[in-house]
C-alpha atoms as a PDB file:
ATOM      1  CA  MET A   1     -28.660   7.220   1.062  1.00  0.00           C
ATOM      2  CA  PRO A   2     -26.838   6.963   4.311  1.00  0.00           C
ATOM      3  CA  ARG A   3     -27.628   9.521   7.258  1.00  0.00           C
ATOM      4  CA  PHE A   4     -24.611  11.768   7.717  1.00  0.00           C
ATOM      5  CA  ARG A   5     -24.037  14.932   9.844  1.00  0.00           C
ATOM      6  CA  ARG A   6     -22.244  18.001   8.642  1.00  0.00           C
ATOM      7  CA  HIS A   7     -20.681  20.648  10.995  1.00  0.00           C
ATOM      8  CA  GLY A   8     -17.964  23.038  11.712  1.00  0.00           C
ATOM      9  CA  LEU A   9     -15.378  23.026  14.455  1.00  0.00           C
ATOM     10  CA  ARG A  10     -13.134  25.792  15.405  1.00  0.00           C
ATOM     11  CA  ARG A  11     -10.440  26.041  17.824  1.00  0.00           C
ATOM     12  CA  PRO A  12      -8.178  29.240  18.697  1.00  0.00           C
ATOM     13  CA  ALA A  13      -4.761  28.560  17.366  1.00  0.00           C
ATOM     14  CA  ALA A  14      -3.449  29.387  21.127  1.00  0.00           C
ATOM     15  CA  ALA A  15      -5.587  26.823  22.476  1.00  0.00           C
ATOM     16  CA  VAL A  16      -3.067  24.852  24.836  1.00  0.00           C
ATOM     17  CA  ALA A  17       0.343  25.402  26.276  1.00  0.00           C
ATOM     18  CA  LEU A  18       2.941  23.076  24.726  1.00  0.00           C
ATOM     19  CA  SER A  19       6.302  21.784  25.682  1.00  0.00           C
ATOM     20  CA  LEU A  20       8.603  21.778  22.865  1.00  0.00           C
ATOM     21  CA  ALA A  21      11.998  20.490  23.004  1.00  0.00           C
ATOM     22  CA  VAL A  22      14.468  21.092  19.983  1.00  0.00           C
ATOM     23  CA  VAL A  23      17.263  18.489  20.155  1.00  0.00           C
ATOM     24  CA  ALA A  24      19.854  16.764  17.960  1.00  0.00           C
ATOM     25  CA  CYS A  25      19.131  13.446  16.313  1.00  0.00           C
ATOM     26  CA  GLY A  26      19.249  10.616  19.046  1.00  0.00           C
ATOM     27  CA  GLN A  27      17.849  12.571  22.143  1.00  0.00           C
ATOM     28  CA  THR A  28      14.286  13.399  22.852  1.00  0.00           C
ATOM     29  CA  GLY A  29      12.227  15.546  25.168  1.00  0.00           C
ATOM     30  CA  GLU A  30       9.976  14.343  28.085  1.00  0.00           C
ATOM     31  CA  PRO A  31       6.730  12.491  26.736  1.00  0.00           C
ATOM     32  CA  ALA A  32       3.531  14.061  27.475  1.00  0.00           C
ATOM     33  CA  GLY A  33       1.770  12.658  30.520  1.00  0.00           C
ATOM     34  CA  GLU A  34      -1.887  11.558  30.792  1.00  0.00           C
ATOM     35  CA  PRO A  35      -4.213  14.445  31.577  1.00  0.00           C
ATOM     36  CA  ALA A  36      -4.557  14.557  35.334  1.00  0.00           C
ATOM     37  CA  GLY A  37      -8.007  12.820  36.523  1.00  0.00           C
ATOM     38  CA  GLU A  38      -8.700  11.310  33.020  1.00  0.00           C
ATOM     39  CA  PRO A  39      -8.458   7.624  32.909  1.00  0.00           C
ATOM     40  CA  ALA A  40      -6.841   6.126  29.839  1.00  0.00           C
ATOM     41  CA  ALA A  41      -9.226   4.754  27.254  1.00  0.00           C
ATOM     42  CA  GLU A  42      -8.530   1.432  25.450  1.00  0.00           C
ATOM     43  CA  PRO A  43      -6.897   2.174  22.083  1.00  0.00           C
ATOM     44  CA  ALA A  44      -8.797   1.391  19.138  1.00  0.00           C
ATOM     45  CA  GLU A  45      -8.079  -1.758  17.174  1.00  0.00           C
ATOM     46  CA  PRO A  46      -9.100  -3.507  13.934  1.00  0.00           C
ATOM     47  CA  GLY A  47     -11.484  -6.151  14.390  1.00  0.00           C
ATOM     48  CA  GLN A  48     -10.265  -9.810  13.964  1.00  0.00           C
ATOM     49  CA  ALA A  49     -11.161 -11.234  10.935  1.00  0.00           C
ATOM     50  CA  PRO A  50     -12.292 -14.870  10.277  1.00  0.00           C
ATOM     51  CA  ALA A  51     -10.196 -17.092   8.129  1.00  0.00           C
ATOM     52  CA  SER A  52     -10.808 -16.143   4.425  1.00  0.00           C
ATOM     53  CA  ALA A  53     -12.045 -19.198   2.443  1.00  0.00           C
ATOM     54  CA  GLU A  54     -13.653 -16.972  -0.238  1.00  0.00           C
ATOM     55  CA  GLN A  55     -12.166 -16.728  -3.679  1.00  0.00           C
ATOM     56  CA  VAL A  56     -11.060 -13.099  -3.876  1.00  0.00           C
ATOM     57  CA  PRO A  57     -10.752 -10.876  -7.091  1.00  0.00           C
ATOM     58  CA  GLY A  58      -7.619  -9.815  -8.386  1.00  0.00           C
ATOM     59  CA  ARG A  59      -4.043 -11.590  -8.431  1.00  0.00           C
ATOM     60  CA  LEU A  60      -2.412 -12.900  -5.179  1.00  0.00           C
ATOM     61  CA  ILE A  61       1.129 -12.485  -4.428  1.00  0.00           C
ATOM     62  CA  GLU A  62       2.205 -14.743  -1.490  1.00  0.00           C
ATOM     63  CA  ILE A  63       4.549 -13.256   0.959  1.00  0.00           C
ATOM     64  CA  ASP A  64       5.805 -14.713   4.214  1.00  0.00           C
ATOM     65  CA  GLY A  65       5.733 -12.808   7.536  1.00  0.00           C
ATOM     66  CA  GLU A  66       2.427 -10.860   8.425  1.00  0.00           C
ATOM     67  CA  PRO A  67       2.391  -8.224   5.868  1.00  0.00           C
ATOM     68  CA  GLU A  68       1.102  -4.884   7.306  1.00  0.00           C
ATOM     69  CA  GLY A  69       1.977  -1.311   6.330  1.00  0.00           C
ATOM     70  CA  ILE A  70       2.291  -0.911   2.348  1.00  0.00           C
ATOM     71  CA  VAL A  71       3.068   1.889  -0.145  1.00  0.00           C
ATOM     72  CA  VAL A  72       3.412   1.787  -4.037  1.00  0.00           C
ATOM     73  CA  THR A  73       6.022   3.754  -5.779  1.00  0.00           C
ATOM     74  CA  SER A  74       5.474   5.498  -9.252  1.00  0.00           C
ATOM     75  CA  THR A  75       7.704   2.924 -10.529  1.00  0.00           C
ATOM     76  CA  GLY A  76       5.520  -0.074  -9.533  1.00  0.00           C
ATOM     77  CA  VAL A  77       7.476  -1.196  -6.642  1.00  0.00           C
ATOM     78  CA  VAL A  78       5.487  -2.178  -3.531  1.00  0.00           C
ATOM     79  CA  ALA A  79       7.171  -1.697  -0.143  1.00  0.00           C
ATOM     80  CA  VAL A  80       5.501  -3.855   2.677  1.00  0.00           C
ATOM     81  CA  ALA A  81       6.287  -4.152   6.275  1.00  0.00           C
ATOM     82  CA  LEU A  82       6.829  -7.580   7.577  1.00  0.00           C
ATOM     83  CA  ARG A  83       7.388  -9.548  10.732  1.00  0.00           C
ATOM     84  CA  GLY A  84       9.141 -12.607  11.967  1.00  0.00           C
ATOM     85  CA  PRO A  85      11.990 -11.810  11.035  1.00  0.00           C
ATOM     86  CA  ASP A  86      11.490  -8.114  10.832  1.00  0.00           C
ATOM     87  CA  ARG A  87      12.161  -6.703   7.412  1.00  0.00           C
ATOM     88  CA  LEU A  88      10.833  -4.809   4.311  1.00  0.00           C
ATOM     89  CA  ALA A  89      10.048  -6.576   1.205  1.00  0.00           C
ATOM     90  CA  LEU A  90      10.276  -4.613  -2.119  1.00  0.00           C
ATOM     91  CA  VAL A  91       7.814  -6.265  -4.686  1.00  0.00           C
ATOM     92  CA  ASP A  92       8.190  -5.430  -8.362  1.00  0.00           C
ATOM     93  CA  LEU A  93       4.241  -5.427  -9.286  1.00  0.00           C
ATOM     94  CA  ASP A  94       4.974  -6.380 -12.880  1.00  0.00           C
ATOM     95  CA  THR A  95       7.674  -9.301 -12.471  1.00  0.00           C
ATOM     96  CA  GLU A  96       6.926 -10.039  -8.659  1.00  0.00           C
ATOM     97  CA  ARG A  97      10.557 -10.046  -8.008  1.00  0.00           C
ATOM     98  CA  VAL A  98      11.380  -9.448  -4.305  1.00  0.00           C
ATOM     99  CA  THR A  99      14.135  -7.857  -2.534  1.00  0.00           C
ATOM    100  CA  GLU A 100      14.228  -8.261   1.114  1.00  0.00           C
ATOM    101  CA  VAL A 101      15.703  -5.395   3.514  1.00  0.00           C
ATOM    102  CA  PRO A 102      16.377  -6.390   7.041  1.00  0.00           C
ATOM    103  CA  THR A 103      15.411  -4.145   9.801  1.00  0.00           C
ATOM    104  CA  SER A 104      16.055  -3.510  13.431  1.00  0.00           C
ATOM    105  CA  SER A 105      12.339  -3.988  14.308  1.00  0.00           C
ATOM    106  CA  ALA A 106       8.970  -3.991  12.516  1.00  0.00           C
ATOM    107  CA  ALA A 107       7.292  -1.076  10.834  1.00  0.00           C
ATOM    108  CA  ARG A 108       3.341  -0.934  11.102  1.00  0.00           C
ATOM    109  CA  HIS A 109       3.084   1.899   8.645  1.00  0.00           C
ATOM    110  CA  LEU A 110       5.039   3.137   5.728  1.00  0.00           C
ATOM    111  CA  THR A 111       4.868   6.302   3.500  1.00  0.00           C
ATOM    112  CA  LEU A 112       6.983   7.875   0.541  1.00  0.00           C
ATOM    113  CA  ALA A 113       9.308  10.663   0.720  1.00  0.00           C
ATOM    114  CA  SER A 114       8.177  11.450  -3.019  1.00  0.00           C
ATOM    115  CA  PRO A 115       6.255   9.163  -5.469  1.00  0.00           C
ATOM    116  CA  SER A 116       9.349   7.186  -6.485  1.00  0.00           C
ATOM    117  CA  GLY A 117      10.709   6.994  -3.046  1.00  0.00           C
ATOM    118  CA  PRO A 118      12.565   6.741  -0.545  1.00  0.00           C
ATOM    119  CA  VAL A 119      10.305   4.759   1.683  1.00  0.00           C
ATOM    120  CA  VAL A 120       9.965   6.159   4.944  1.00  0.00           C
ATOM    121  CA  ALA A 121       9.705   3.402   7.765  1.00  0.00           C
ATOM    122  CA  PRO A 122       9.125   4.118  11.383  1.00  0.00           C
ATOM    123  CA  LEU A 123      10.547   0.990  13.303  1.00  0.00           C
ATOM    124  CA  GLU A 124       8.366   0.840  16.471  1.00  0.00           C
ATOM    125  CA  ALA A 125      10.486  -1.420  18.819  1.00  0.00           C
ATOM    126  CA  SER A 126      14.036   0.157  17.973  1.00  0.00           C
ATOM    127  CA  ASP A 127      12.638   3.807  18.305  1.00  0.00           C
ATOM    128  CA  GLU A 128      14.030   4.879  14.934  1.00  0.00           C
ATOM    129  CA  VAL A 129      13.033   5.819  11.539  1.00  0.00           C
ATOM    130  CA  VAL A 130      14.954   4.665   8.292  1.00  0.00           C
ATOM    131  CA  LEU A 131      14.605   5.776   4.710  1.00  0.00           C
ATOM    132  CA  VAL A 132      15.128   3.114   2.058  1.00  0.00           C
ATOM    133  CA  ASP A 133      15.733   3.561  -1.668  1.00  0.00           C
ATOM    134  CA  PRO A 134      12.968   1.231  -3.330  1.00  0.00           C
ATOM    135  CA  SER A 135      14.957   0.591  -6.406  1.00  0.00           C
ATOM    136  CA  THR A 136      18.190  -0.792  -4.492  1.00  0.00           C
ATOM    137  CA  GLY A 137      16.994  -1.620  -0.928  1.00  0.00           C
ATOM    138  CA  ASP A 138      19.769   0.644   0.442  1.00  0.00           C
ATOM    139  CA  ILE A 139      19.263   2.567   3.576  1.00  0.00           C
ATOM    140  CA  VAL A 140      19.632   6.390   2.677  1.00  0.00           C
ATOM    141  CA  GLY A 141      18.632   8.001   5.895  1.00  0.00           C
ATOM    142  CA  GLN A 142      18.285   7.230   9.605  1.00  0.00           C
ATOM    143  CA  PHE A 143      16.945   8.954  12.500  1.00  0.00           C
ATOM    144  CA  SER A 144      17.183   7.479  16.232  1.00  0.00           C
ATOM    145  CA  GLY A 145      15.880   8.104  19.570  1.00  0.00           C
ATOM    146  CA  ILE A 146      12.304   8.687  18.883  1.00  0.00           C
ATOM    147  CA  GLU A 147      10.849   7.365  22.217  1.00  0.00           C
ATOM    148  CA  ASP A 148       8.145   4.857  22.708  1.00  0.00           C
ATOM    149  CA  GLY A 149       6.956   3.553  19.358  1.00  0.00           C
ATOM    150  CA  PRO A 150       7.297   5.659  16.194  1.00  0.00           C
ATOM    151  CA  HIS A 151       4.152   4.589  14.483  1.00  0.00           C
ATOM    152  CA  ASP A 152       3.370   6.614  11.390  1.00  0.00           C
ATOM    153  CA  ALA A 153       4.825   9.251   9.209  1.00  0.00           C
ATOM    154  CA  ALA A 154       4.050  12.039   6.970  1.00  0.00           C
ATOM    155  CA  VAL A 155       5.942  13.802   4.538  1.00  0.00           C
ATOM    156  CA  HIS A 156       5.489  17.546   3.813  1.00  0.00           C
ATOM    157  CA  PRO A 157       6.257  19.903   0.853  1.00  0.00           C
ATOM    158  CA  SER A 158       9.166  21.624   2.809  1.00  0.00           C
ATOM    159  CA  GLY A 159      10.747  18.151   2.890  1.00  0.00           C
ATOM    160  CA  LEU A 160      10.064  17.967   6.713  1.00  0.00           C
ATOM    161  CA  ILE A 161       8.841  14.631   8.251  1.00  0.00           C
ATOM    162  CA  SER A 162       6.370  14.293  10.932  1.00  0.00           C
ATOM    163  CA  VAL A 163       6.272  11.126  13.037  1.00  0.00           C
ATOM    164  CA  THR A 164       3.867  10.024  15.730  1.00  0.00           C
ATOM    165  CA  ASP A 165       5.343   8.079  18.686  1.00  0.00           C
ATOM    166  CA  GLU A 166       2.386   6.038  19.905  1.00  0.00           C
ATOM    167  CA  LEU A 167       3.320   5.141  23.351  1.00  0.00           C
ATOM    168  CA  GLY A 168       5.201   8.611  24.220  1.00  0.00           C
ATOM    169  CA  GLY A 169       2.594  11.195  23.446  1.00  0.00           C
ATOM    170  CA  GLY A 170       4.623  13.082  21.083  1.00  0.00           C
ATOM    171  CA  LEU A 171       4.881  14.362  17.528  1.00  0.00           C
ATOM    172  CA  TYR A 172       8.444  14.534  16.088  1.00  0.00           C
ATOM    173  CA  VAL A 173       9.629  16.759  13.333  1.00  0.00           C
ATOM    174  CA  LEU A 174      12.564  15.356  11.350  1.00  0.00           C
ATOM    175  CA  ASP A 175      14.555  17.158   8.906  1.00  0.00           C
ATOM    176  CA  PRO A 176      16.489  15.045   6.685  1.00  0.00           C
ATOM    177  CA  ARG A 177      18.903  18.066   5.402  1.00  0.00           C
ATOM    178  CA  SER A 178      20.193  18.768   8.811  1.00  0.00           C
ATOM    179  CA  ASN A 179      19.470  15.294  10.556  1.00  0.00           C
ATOM    180  CA  ASN A 180      17.627  17.485  13.524  1.00  0.00           C
ATOM    181  CA  VAL A 181      14.548  16.185  15.457  1.00  0.00           C
ATOM    182  CA  GLN A 182      12.158  18.447  17.261  1.00  0.00           C
ATOM    183  CA  ARG A 183       9.590  17.200  19.694  1.00  0.00           C
ATOM    184  CA  ILE A 184       6.172  18.514  20.320  1.00  0.00           C
ATOM    185  CA  ASP A 185       3.952  17.137  23.082  1.00  0.00           C
ATOM    186  CA  SER A 186       0.924  15.836  21.303  1.00  0.00           C
ATOM    187  CA  SER A 187      -2.121  13.566  22.536  1.00  0.00           C
ATOM    188  CA  PRO A 188      -1.787  10.637  25.057  1.00  0.00           C
ATOM    189  CA  GLN A 189      -1.465   8.062  22.165  1.00  0.00           C
ATOM    190  CA  PRO A 190      -1.157   9.549  18.732  1.00  0.00           C
ATOM    191  CA  GLY A 191      -1.779   7.056  15.918  1.00  0.00           C
ATOM    192  CA  GLY A 192      -2.133   7.909  12.288  1.00  0.00           C
ATOM    193  CA  VAL A 193      -0.739  11.148  10.946  1.00  0.00           C
ATOM    194  CA  ALA A 194      -1.375  12.858   7.382  1.00  0.00           C
ATOM    195  CA  PRO A 195       0.037  16.035   5.614  1.00  0.00           C
ATOM    196  CA  VAL A 196      -2.021  19.127   4.553  1.00  0.00           C
ATOM    197  CA  GLY A 197       0.811  21.143   3.038  1.00  0.00           C
ATOM    198  CA  ASP A 198       3.142  21.992   6.216  1.00  0.00           C
ATOM    199  CA  LEU A 199       0.586  20.890   8.694  1.00  0.00           C
ATOM    200  CA  ALA A 200       0.625  17.706  10.245  1.00  0.00           C
ATOM    201  CA  VAL A 201      -2.770  16.300  11.201  1.00  0.00           C
ATOM    202  CA  SER A 202      -2.575  13.508  14.017  1.00  0.00           C
ATOM    203  CA  VAL A 203      -5.335  11.398  15.410  1.00  0.00           C
ATOM    204  CA  ASP A 204      -5.519   9.768  18.857  1.00  0.00           C
ATOM    205  CA  VAL A 205      -6.453   6.073  19.230  1.00  0.00           C
ATOM    206  CA  THR A 206      -7.759   6.624  22.669  1.00  0.00           C
ATOM    207  CA  GLY A 207     -10.692   8.771  21.792  1.00  0.00           C
ATOM    208  CA  ARG A 208      -8.944  12.266  22.214  1.00  0.00           C
ATOM    209  CA  GLY A 209      -9.716  13.453  18.739  1.00  0.00           C
ATOM    210  CA  VAL A 210      -7.574  15.409  16.315  1.00  0.00           C
ATOM    211  CA  ARG A 211      -4.579  17.577  16.827  1.00  0.00           C
ATOM    212  CA  VAL A 212      -3.098  19.855  13.968  1.00  0.00           C
ATOM    213  CA  PHE A 213       0.520  20.842  14.046  1.00  0.00           C
ATOM    214  CA  ASP A 214       2.492  23.439  11.959  1.00  0.00           C
ATOM    215  CA  VAL A 215       5.956  21.382  11.113  1.00  0.00           C
ATOM    216  CA  ARG A 216       7.815  24.599   9.988  1.00  0.00           C
ATOM    217  CA  GLU A 217       6.911  26.377  13.449  1.00  0.00           C
ATOM    218  CA  ALA A 218       7.041  23.111  15.371  1.00  0.00           C
ATOM    219  CA  ARG A 219       3.902  23.893  17.364  1.00  0.00           C
ATOM    220  CA  GLN A 220       0.221  22.783  17.759  1.00  0.00           C
ATOM    221  CA  VAL A 221      -2.129  25.162  15.797  1.00  0.00           C
ATOM    222  CA  ALA A 222      -5.609  23.509  16.341  1.00  0.00           C
ATOM    223  CA  GLU A 223      -7.466  20.567  17.902  1.00  0.00           C
ATOM    224  CA  ALA A 224     -10.970  19.341  17.980  1.00  0.00           C
ATOM    225  CA  GLN A 225     -12.730  16.503  19.648  1.00  0.00           C
ATOM    226  CA  VAL A 226     -14.293  14.257  16.900  1.00  0.00           C
ATOM    227  CA  GLY A 227     -14.913  10.647  16.742  1.00  0.00           C
ATOM    228  CA  THR A 228     -14.841   7.916  19.449  1.00  0.00           C
ATOM    229  CA  GLY A 229     -11.632   5.958  18.457  1.00  0.00           C
ATOM    230  CA  LEU A 230      -9.783   7.149  15.499  1.00  0.00           C
ATOM    231  CA  THR A 231      -6.970   5.085  14.167  1.00  0.00           C
ATOM    232  CA  HIS A 232      -6.005   6.214  10.638  1.00  0.00           C
ATOM    233  CA  VAL A 233      -6.010   9.496   8.678  1.00  0.00           C
ATOM    234  CA  VAL A 234      -5.156  10.171   4.919  1.00  0.00           C
ATOM    235  CA  SER A 235      -4.825  13.176   2.941  1.00  0.00           C
ATOM    236  CA  LEU A 236      -7.699  13.834   0.194  1.00  0.00           C
ATOM    237  CA  ASP A 237      -7.858  16.891  -2.163  1.00  0.00           C
ATOM    238  CA  GLY A 238      -8.799  20.390  -1.453  1.00  0.00           C
ATOM    239  CA  GLY A 239      -7.039  20.459   1.855  1.00  0.00           C
ATOM    240  CA  ARG A 240      -9.156  17.812   3.198  1.00  0.00           C
ATOM    241  CA  VAL A 241      -8.483  14.595   5.245  1.00  0.00           C
ATOM    242  CA  ALA A 242     -10.372  11.288   5.769  1.00  0.00           C
ATOM    243  CA  MET A 243     -10.316   9.798   9.245  1.00  0.00           C
ATOM    244  CA  ALA A 244     -11.231   6.241  10.160  1.00  0.00           C
ATOM    245  CA  ASP A 245     -13.352   6.302  13.264  1.00  0.00           C
ATOM    246  CA  THR A 246     -12.868   2.592  13.932  1.00  0.00           C
ATOM    247  CA  ASP A 247     -14.656   2.338  17.152  1.00  0.00           C
ATOM    248  CA  GLY A 248     -17.435   4.988  16.259  1.00  0.00           C
ATOM    249  CA  GLY A 249     -17.988   2.856  12.817  1.00  0.00           C
ATOM    250  CA  ARG A 250     -17.901   5.848  10.555  1.00  0.00           C
ATOM    251  CA  LEU A 251     -15.573   7.944   8.263  1.00  0.00           C
ATOM    252  CA  ILE A 252     -15.005  11.526   9.224  1.00  0.00           C
ATOM    253  CA  VAL A 253     -14.009  13.983   6.523  1.00  0.00           C
ATOM    254  CA  ALA A 254     -12.878  17.593   7.227  1.00  0.00           C
ATOM    255  CA  ALA A 255     -10.983  20.542   5.751  1.00  0.00           C
ATOM    256  CA  ILE A 256      -7.897  21.519   7.634  1.00  0.00           C
ATOM    257  CA  THR A 257      -7.514  25.429   7.596  1.00  0.00           C
ATOM    258  CA  PRO A 258      -5.850  24.747  10.371  1.00  0.00           C
ATOM    259  CA  GLU A 259      -9.111  24.372  12.016  1.00  0.00           C
ATOM    260  CA  LEU A 260     -11.329  21.624  11.180  1.00  0.00           C
ATOM    261  CA  GLN A 261     -14.078  22.887   8.938  1.00  0.00           C
ATOM    262  CA  ASP A 262     -16.913  21.439   6.918  1.00  0.00           C
ATOM    263  CA  VAL A 263     -16.913  18.186   9.058  1.00  0.00           C
ATOM    264  CA  VAL A 264     -18.856  15.217   7.535  1.00  0.00           C
ATOM    265  CA  GLU A 265     -19.592  12.085   9.493  1.00  0.00           C
ATOM    266  CA  VAL A 266     -20.642   9.052   7.339  1.00  0.00           C
ATOM    267  CA  PRO A 267     -21.852   5.982   9.084  1.00  0.00           C
ATOM    268  CA  VAL A 268     -20.041   2.678   7.960  1.00  0.00           C
ATOM    269  CA  ASP A 269     -21.581  -0.703   8.617  1.00  0.00           C
ATOM    270  CA  GLY A 270     -18.403  -2.164  10.120  1.00  0.00           C
ATOM    271  CA  ARG A 271     -15.125  -0.974  11.652  1.00  0.00           C
ATOM    272  CA  PRO A 272     -13.268   0.964   9.082  1.00  0.00           C
ATOM    273  CA  TYR A 273      -9.438   0.964   9.292  1.00  0.00           C
ATOM    274  CA  GLY A 274      -6.870   1.032   6.642  1.00  0.00           C
ATOM    275  CA  LEU A 275      -7.238   3.990   4.153  1.00  0.00           C
ATOM    276  CA  ALA A 276      -5.878   4.815   0.782  1.00  0.00           C
ATOM    277  CA  PHE A 277      -6.490   7.670  -1.611  1.00  0.00           C
ATOM    278  CA  ASP A 278      -6.431   7.758  -5.448  1.00  0.00           C
ATOM    279  CA  GLU A 279      -6.093  11.418  -6.348  1.00  0.00           C
ATOM    280  CA  GLU A 280      -6.270  10.726 -10.192  1.00  0.00           C
ATOM    281  CA  ARG A 281      -9.358   8.903 -10.087  1.00  0.00           C
ATOM    282  CA  ALA A 282     -10.865  10.684  -6.954  1.00  0.00           C
ATOM    283  CA  ARG A 283     -11.441   7.457  -4.987  1.00  0.00           C
ATOM    284  CA  LEU A 284     -11.007   6.507  -1.383  1.00  0.00           C
ATOM    285  CA  TYR A 285     -10.282   2.879  -0.395  1.00  0.00           C
ATOM    286  CA  VAL A 286     -11.372   1.730   3.265  1.00  0.00           C
ATOM    287  CA  THR A 287     -10.645  -1.805   4.673  1.00  0.00           C
ATOM    288  CA  LEU A 288     -13.241  -3.260   6.958  1.00  0.00           C
ATOM    289  CA  SER A 289     -10.505  -5.650   8.633  1.00  0.00           C
ATOM    290  CA  GLU A 290     -12.866  -7.869  10.609  1.00  0.00           C
ATOM    291  CA  ARG A 291     -15.121  -8.566   7.427  1.00  0.00           C
ATOM    292  CA  ASN A 292     -12.285  -9.168   4.988  1.00  0.00           C
ATOM    293  CA  GLU A 293     -13.887  -6.424   2.895  1.00  0.00           C
ATOM    294  CA  MET A 294     -12.998  -3.121   1.356  1.00  0.00           C
ATOM    295  CA  LEU A 295     -15.241  -0.193   0.528  1.00  0.00           C
ATOM    296  CA  VAL A 296     -14.830   2.085  -2.323  1.00  0.00           C
ATOM    297  CA  TYR A 297     -15.956   5.603  -2.115  1.00  0.00           C
ATOM    298  CA  ASP A 298     -15.975   8.671  -4.654  1.00  0.00           C
ATOM    299  CA  THR A 299     -14.392  11.445  -2.739  1.00  0.00           C
ATOM    300  CA  GLY A 300     -16.560  14.168  -4.364  1.00  0.00           C
ATOM    301  CA  ARG A 301     -19.574  12.298  -3.030  1.00  0.00           C
ATOM    302  CA  ILE A 302     -18.447  10.491   0.150  1.00  0.00           C
ATOM    303  CA  ASP A 303     -21.743  11.387   1.995  1.00  0.00           C
ATOM    304  CA  GLU A 304     -23.641   9.519  -0.531  1.00  0.00           C
ATOM    305  CA  GLY A 305     -22.110   6.289   0.872  1.00  0.00           C
ATOM    306  CA  PRO A 306     -19.798   3.692  -1.038  1.00  0.00           C
ATOM    307  CA  LEU A 307     -19.810   2.599  -4.704  1.00  0.00           C
ATOM    308  CA  GLY A 308     -19.408  -0.713  -3.627  1.00  0.00           C
ATOM    309  CA  THR A 309     -17.624  -3.510  -1.676  1.00  0.00           C
ATOM    310  CA  VAL A 310     -14.883  -5.778  -2.563  1.00  0.00           C
ATOM    311  CA  PRO A 311     -13.961  -9.229  -0.855  1.00  0.00           C
ATOM    312  CA  THR A 312     -10.381  -8.990   0.369  1.00  0.00           C
ATOM    313  CA  VAL A 313      -7.446 -11.140   1.634  1.00  0.00           C
ATOM    314  CA  GLY A 314      -7.539 -12.050   5.474  1.00  0.00           C
ATOM    315  CA  GLN A 315      -7.055  -9.413   7.897  1.00  0.00           C
ATOM    316  CA  ALA A 316      -6.800  -6.603   5.330  1.00  0.00           C
ATOM    317  CA  ASN A 317      -5.234  -3.982   7.743  1.00  0.00           C
ATOM    318  CA  SER A 318      -3.599  -1.980   4.889  1.00  0.00           C
ATOM    319  CA  VAL A 319      -4.089  -0.666   1.360  1.00  0.00           C
ATOM    320  CA  ALA A 320      -2.328   1.295  -1.116  1.00  0.00           C
ATOM    321  CA  VAL A 321      -2.597   2.620  -4.718  1.00  0.00           C
ATOM    322  CA  GLU A 322      -0.313   2.296  -7.456  1.00  0.00           C
ATOM    323  CA  PRO A 323      -0.202   5.979  -9.130  1.00  0.00           C
ATOM    324  CA  ARG A 324       0.628   4.872 -12.535  1.00  0.00           C
ATOM    325  CA  ASP A 325      -2.650   3.210 -13.426  1.00  0.00           C
ATOM    326  CA  GLY A 326      -4.675   2.959 -10.308  1.00  0.00           C
ATOM    327  CA  ARG A 327      -3.975  -0.710  -9.282  1.00  0.00           C
ATOM    328  CA  VAL A 328      -5.012  -1.371  -5.603  1.00  0.00           C
ATOM    329  CA  VAL A 329      -2.686  -3.452  -3.564  1.00  0.00           C
ATOM    330  CA  ILE A 330      -4.111  -4.885  -0.146  1.00  0.00           C
ATOM    331  CA  ALA A 331      -2.012  -6.451   2.503  1.00  0.00           C
ATOM    332  CA  GLY A 332      -3.604  -9.473   4.053  1.00  0.00           C
ATOM    333  CA  ARG A 333      -1.837  -9.929   7.507  1.00  0.00           C
ATOM    334  CA  SER A 334      -3.239 -13.369   8.529  1.00  0.00           C
ATOM    335  CA  GLN A 335      -3.266 -14.553   4.991  1.00  0.00           C
ATOM    336  CA  GLY A 336       0.436 -13.726   4.239  1.00  0.00           C
ATOM    337  CA  ALA A 337      -0.494 -12.384   0.876  1.00  0.00           C
ATOM    338  CA  LEU A 338      -0.652  -9.287  -1.199  1.00  0.00           C
ATOM    339  CA  GLN A 339      -3.942  -8.819  -3.279  1.00  0.00           C
ATOM    340  CA  VAL A 340      -3.486  -6.730  -6.487  1.00  0.00           C
ATOM    341  CA  LEU A 341      -6.640  -5.320  -8.005  1.00  0.00           C
ATOM    342  CA  PRO A 342      -6.780  -3.808 -11.498  1.00  0.00           C
ATOM    343  CA  PRO A 343      -8.916  -0.717 -11.858  1.00  0.00           C
ATOM    344  CA  ASP A 344     -11.706  -2.454 -13.940  1.00  0.00           C
ATOM    345  CA  ALA A 345     -11.991  -4.937 -10.883  1.00  0.00           C
ATOM    346  CA  LEU A 346     -13.205  -1.939  -8.721  1.00  0.00           C
ATOM    347  CA  PRO A 347     -16.533  -0.527  -8.201  1.00  0.00           C
ATOM    348  CA  GLY A 348     -17.239   2.659 -10.090  1.00  0.00           C
ATOM    349  CA  SER A 349     -14.693   2.040 -12.651  1.00  0.00           C
END
């Protein structure tokens, strides 16, 4: 059994002063500056994987263009972000039919507005977020003017969408009903974001920990200094999140109240990166990009370590779950392929 630490972290709701700009779509407030006297840390990045010569389990779907950032709809369509040229590919898992949707720049992360879509795609270089119907490929919504690299997005029960801008130090709240945008100062370099109800949990890739925002009130409500270099965060059951401490070589799990409570740190032999949660089967999937491997955890017993390890396609930065039957889809950025794993090929099945 691995060694782990469990502790609680509390933070008063009125912890820091925030600058909030409420603006129309297409405008932004000023980005948050670097804290005075505090040098910028190097952002956490996935390790570079060797070429994958190993025969990997599951079915491979070849896809051209450095796949990274994937979601799977309840109808079995995989949306995957591609580069060179920048676009989304919509892949039917059963027929392998591919529909391509050109985009103004590349996305690194995707999320779903509902189990069947639309797909929410933050486009980093063009400072916009688009919503794409996965059944037709039509763009059904668009927000512009999200400064300096919209990176990841989370969709909340209220219908609001929170978006981190990694190079601008902000968290944006998008309202598809009114097309309004609100900007809240965040950490110096926010990366992944996940929803816990109408709270947005954002992690900073330069080691500044976690911040929690109430998207309905457009304000920060908690923060905590955990981890060494967090990159990704995913919602679990019971109001919990799991965070990949890529530089620290561990998973961090916490309940969001909105303060971080019941924090558990689980060591990982490697650099955890991509995360996906299967609520139906209580499974957490964690990629180790530099090893071409994926770990499988039981979310009721994460502190006991992984159920097992699965070989993956090359440079597996992203993973997603097909909600109907639990198939796991892994994007191999360097290999140009999607790896589709049926549940019976996974540890603990």
